């Protein structure tokens, strides 16, 4: 959930952020399904591989889409990419959702 004064919310990027989070979560569901239900010896291995790779592909695509599509409307800075690239692994998410203005052009 984004804070009410988040720059992602005020710049109209919330739907992109939420969609990428839902699709990324769905990728985890695919991989969990593959392990829990298809990972036994009775399931065909090709189905396991297909579902697992589908989950991995969804995760990669949702991350890539978030990095490329969530941008500052003014200067076009890729905000998720900037967060992931410049912040620590344990801090980038909190940094991103707590932005009050664009870190590049300071519009907010």
C-alpha atoms as a PDB file:
ATOM      1  CA  UNK A   1       0.000   0.000   0.000  1.00  0.00           C
ATOM      2  CA  UNK A   2       1.357   3.358  -1.003  1.00  0.00           C
ATOM      3  CA  UNK A   3       1.331   6.253   1.459  1.00  0.00           C
ATOM      4  CA  UNK A   4      -1.223   8.959   0.618  1.00  0.00           C
ATOM      5  CA  UNK A   5       1.509  11.513  -0.082  1.00  0.00           C
ATOM      6  CA  UNK A   6       3.635   9.151  -2.208  1.00  0.00           C
ATOM      7  CA  UNK A   7       5.003  10.555  -5.455  1.00  0.00           C
ATOM      8  CA  UNK A   8       3.950   7.372  -7.255  1.00  0.00           C
ATOM      9  CA  UNK A   9       0.363   8.136  -6.244  1.00  0.00           C
ATOM     10  CA  UNK A  10       0.464  11.861  -7.060  1.00  0.00           C
ATOM     11  CA  UNK A  11       2.097  11.226 -10.448  1.00  0.00           C
ATOM     12  CA  UNK A  12      -0.517   8.648 -11.494  1.00  0.00           C
ATOM     13  CA  UNK A  13       1.836   5.661 -11.400  1.00  0.00           C
ATOM     14  CA  UNK A  14      -0.116   3.654  -8.800  1.00  0.00           C
ATOM     15  CA  UNK A  15      -1.861   1.382 -11.284  1.00  0.00           C
ATOM     16  CA  UNK A  16       1.444   0.406 -12.905  1.00  0.00           C
ATOM     17  CA  UNK A  17       3.008  -0.268  -9.513  1.00  0.00           C
ATOM     18  CA  UNK A  18       0.043  -2.360  -8.352  1.00  0.00           C
ATOM     19  CA  UNK A  19      -0.212  -4.297 -11.621  1.00  0.00           C
ATOM     20  CA  UNK A  20       3.463  -5.207 -11.566  1.00  0.00           C
ATOM     21  CA  UNK A  21       3.143  -6.336  -7.925  1.00  0.00           C
ATOM     22  CA  UNK A  22       0.124  -8.524  -8.709  1.00  0.00           C
ATOM     23  CA  UNK A  23       1.796 -10.126 -11.741  1.00  0.00           C
ATOM     24  CA  UNK A  24       4.991 -10.687  -9.732  1.00  0.00           C
ATOM     25  CA  UNK A  25       2.908 -12.364  -7.012  1.00  0.00           C
ATOM     26  CA  UNK A  26       1.215 -14.489  -9.652  1.00  0.00           C
ATOM     27  CA  UNK A  27       4.633 -15.657 -10.796  1.00  0.00           C
ATOM     28  CA  UNK A  28       5.228 -16.929  -7.270  1.00  0.00           C
ATOM     29  CA  UNK A  29       1.905 -18.770  -7.372  1.00  0.00           C
ATOM     30  CA  UNK A  30       2.964 -20.478 -10.614  1.00  0.00           C
ATOM     31  CA  UNK A  31       6.295 -21.553  -9.144  1.00  0.00           C
ATOM     32  CA  UNK A  32       4.673 -22.705  -5.906  1.00  0.00           C
ATOM     33  CA  UNK A  33       2.105 -24.708  -7.882  1.00  0.00           C
ATOM     34  CA  UNK A  34       4.893 -26.326  -9.852  1.00  0.00           C
ATOM     35  CA  UNK A  35       6.731 -27.360  -6.695  1.00  0.00           C
ATOM     36  CA  UNK A  36       3.791 -28.442  -4.583  1.00  0.00           C
ATOM     37  CA  UNK A  37       1.534 -30.163  -7.084  1.00  0.00           C
ATOM     38  CA  UNK A  38       3.693 -30.996 -10.054  1.00  0.00           C
ATOM     39  CA  UNK A  39       6.916 -31.754  -8.224  1.00  0.00           C
ATOM     40  CA  UNK A  40       5.927 -35.298  -7.341  1.00  0.00           C
ATOM     41  CA  UNK A  41       6.978 -38.371  -9.272  1.00  0.00           C
ATOM     42  CA  UNK A  42       3.514 -38.945 -10.813  1.00  0.00           C
ATOM     43  CA  UNK A  43       3.367 -35.600 -12.611  1.00  0.00           C
ATOM     44  CA  UNK A  44       4.771 -35.305 -16.129  1.00  0.00           C
ATOM     45  CA  UNK A  45       8.136 -33.493 -16.033  1.00  0.00           C
ATOM     46  CA  UNK A  46       7.311 -31.385 -19.084  1.00  0.00           C
ATOM     47  CA  UNK A  47       4.312 -29.860 -17.275  1.00  0.00           C
ATOM     48  CA  UNK A  48       6.481 -29.032 -14.245  1.00  0.00           C
ATOM     49  CA  UNK A  49       9.071 -27.341 -16.465  1.00  0.00           C
ATOM     50  CA  UNK A  50       6.423 -25.397 -18.403  1.00  0.00           C
ATOM     51  CA  UNK A  51       4.664 -24.080 -15.288  1.00  0.00           C
ATOM     52  CA  UNK A  52       7.945 -23.266 -13.540  1.00  0.00           C
ATOM     53  CA  UNK A  53       9.375 -21.425 -16.545  1.00  0.00           C
ATOM     54  CA  UNK A  54       6.068 -19.584 -16.988  1.00  0.00           C
ATOM     55  CA  UNK A  55       6.358 -18.360 -13.407  1.00  0.00           C
ATOM     56  CA  UNK A  56       9.952 -17.281 -13.887  1.00  0.00           C
ATOM     57  CA  UNK A  57       9.056 -15.484 -17.133  1.00  0.00           C
ATOM     58  CA  UNK A  58       6.144 -13.675 -15.456  1.00  0.00           C
ATOM     59  CA  UNK A  59       8.432 -12.536 -12.640  1.00  0.00           C
ATOM     60  CA  UNK A  60      11.075 -11.253 -15.025  1.00  0.00           C
ATOM     61  CA  UNK A  61       8.556  -9.532 -17.294  1.00  0.00           C
ATOM     62  CA  UNK A  62       6.716  -7.844 -14.427  1.00  0.00           C
ATOM     63  CA  UNK A  63       9.992  -6.561 -12.980  1.00  0.00           C
ATOM     64  CA  UNK A  64      11.209  -5.354 -16.343  1.00  0.00           C
ATOM     65  CA  UNK A  65       7.878  -3.670 -17.091  1.00  0.00           C
ATOM     66  CA  UNK A  66       7.911  -1.875 -13.714  1.00  0.00           C
ATOM     67  CA  UNK A  67      11.490  -0.704 -14.278  1.00  0.00           C
ATOM     68  CA  UNK A  68      10.701   0.656 -17.735  1.00  0.00           C
ATOM     69  CA  UNK A  69       7.179   2.030 -17.343  1.00  0.00           C
ATOM     70  CA  UNK A  70       7.090   3.769 -13.959  1.00  0.00           C
ATOM     71  CA  UNK A  71       8.520   7.175 -14.830  1.00  0.00           C
ATOM     72  CA  UNK A  72       8.430  10.770 -13.729  1.00  0.00           C
ATOM     73  CA  UNK A  73       5.941  12.548 -16.019  1.00  0.00           C
ATOM     74  CA  UNK A  74       8.233  15.583 -16.187  1.00  0.00           C
ATOM     75  CA  UNK A  75      11.788  14.358 -16.728  1.00  0.00           C
ATOM     76  CA  UNK A  76      10.989  10.722 -17.632  1.00  0.00           C
ATOM     77  CA  UNK A  77      13.321   9.287 -14.959  1.00  0.00           C
ATOM     78  CA  UNK A  78      12.670   5.582 -14.510  1.00  0.00           C
ATOM     79  CA  UNK A  79      11.819   5.565 -10.814  1.00  0.00           C
ATOM     80  CA  UNK A  80      11.871   1.819 -10.099  1.00  0.00           C
ATOM     81  CA  UNK A  81      15.099   1.421 -12.048  1.00  0.00           C
ATOM     82  CA  UNK A  82      16.649   4.313 -10.123  1.00  0.00           C
ATOM     83  CA  UNK A  83      15.510   2.802  -6.824  1.00  0.00           C
ATOM     84  CA  UNK A  84      16.879  -0.667  -7.594  1.00  0.00           C
ATOM     85  CA  UNK A  85      20.125   0.643  -9.044  1.00  0.00           C
ATOM     86  CA  UNK A  86      20.984   3.280  -6.448  1.00  0.00           C
ATOM     87  CA  UNK A  87      19.535   1.961  -3.181  1.00  0.00           C
ATOM     88  CA  UNK A  88      20.540  -1.064  -1.140  1.00  0.00           C
ATOM     89  CA  UNK A  89      18.732  -4.358  -1.653  1.00  0.00           C
ATOM     90  CA  UNK A  90      16.920  -3.991   1.658  1.00  0.00           C
ATOM     91  CA  UNK A  91      15.972  -0.343   1.166  1.00  0.00           C
ATOM     92  CA  UNK A  92      14.955   0.272  -2.438  1.00  0.00           C
ATOM     93  CA  UNK A  93      11.267  -0.591  -1.961  1.00  0.00           C
ATOM     94  CA  UNK A  94      10.779   1.674   1.066  1.00  0.00           C
ATOM     95  CA  UNK A  95      12.740   4.436  -0.663  1.00  0.00           C
ATOM     96  CA  UNK A  96      10.507   4.171  -3.720  1.00  0.00           C
ATOM     97  CA  UNK A  97       7.130   4.154  -2.003  1.00  0.00           C
ATOM     98  CA  UNK A  98       8.127   6.978   0.342  1.00  0.00           C
ATOM     99  CA  UNK A  99       9.238   9.376  -2.395  1.00  0.00           C
ATOM    100  CA  UNK A 100       7.515  12.745  -2.056  1.00  0.00           C
ATOM    101  CA  UNK A 101       8.951  14.202  -5.271  1.00  0.00           C
ATOM    102  CA  UNK A 102      11.009  13.097  -8.238  1.00  0.00           C
ATOM    103  CA  UNK A 103      14.610  12.554  -7.109  1.00  0.00           C
ATOM    104  CA  UNK A 104      15.954  13.871 -10.438  1.00  0.00           C
ATOM    105  CA  UNK A 105      13.933  16.965 -11.280  1.00  0.00           C
ATOM    106  CA  UNK A 106      12.419  17.607  -7.802  1.00  0.00           C
ATOM    107  CA  UNK A 107       8.891  17.966  -9.191  1.00  0.00           C
ATOM    108  CA  UNK A 108       6.356  16.730  -6.726  1.00  0.00           C
END
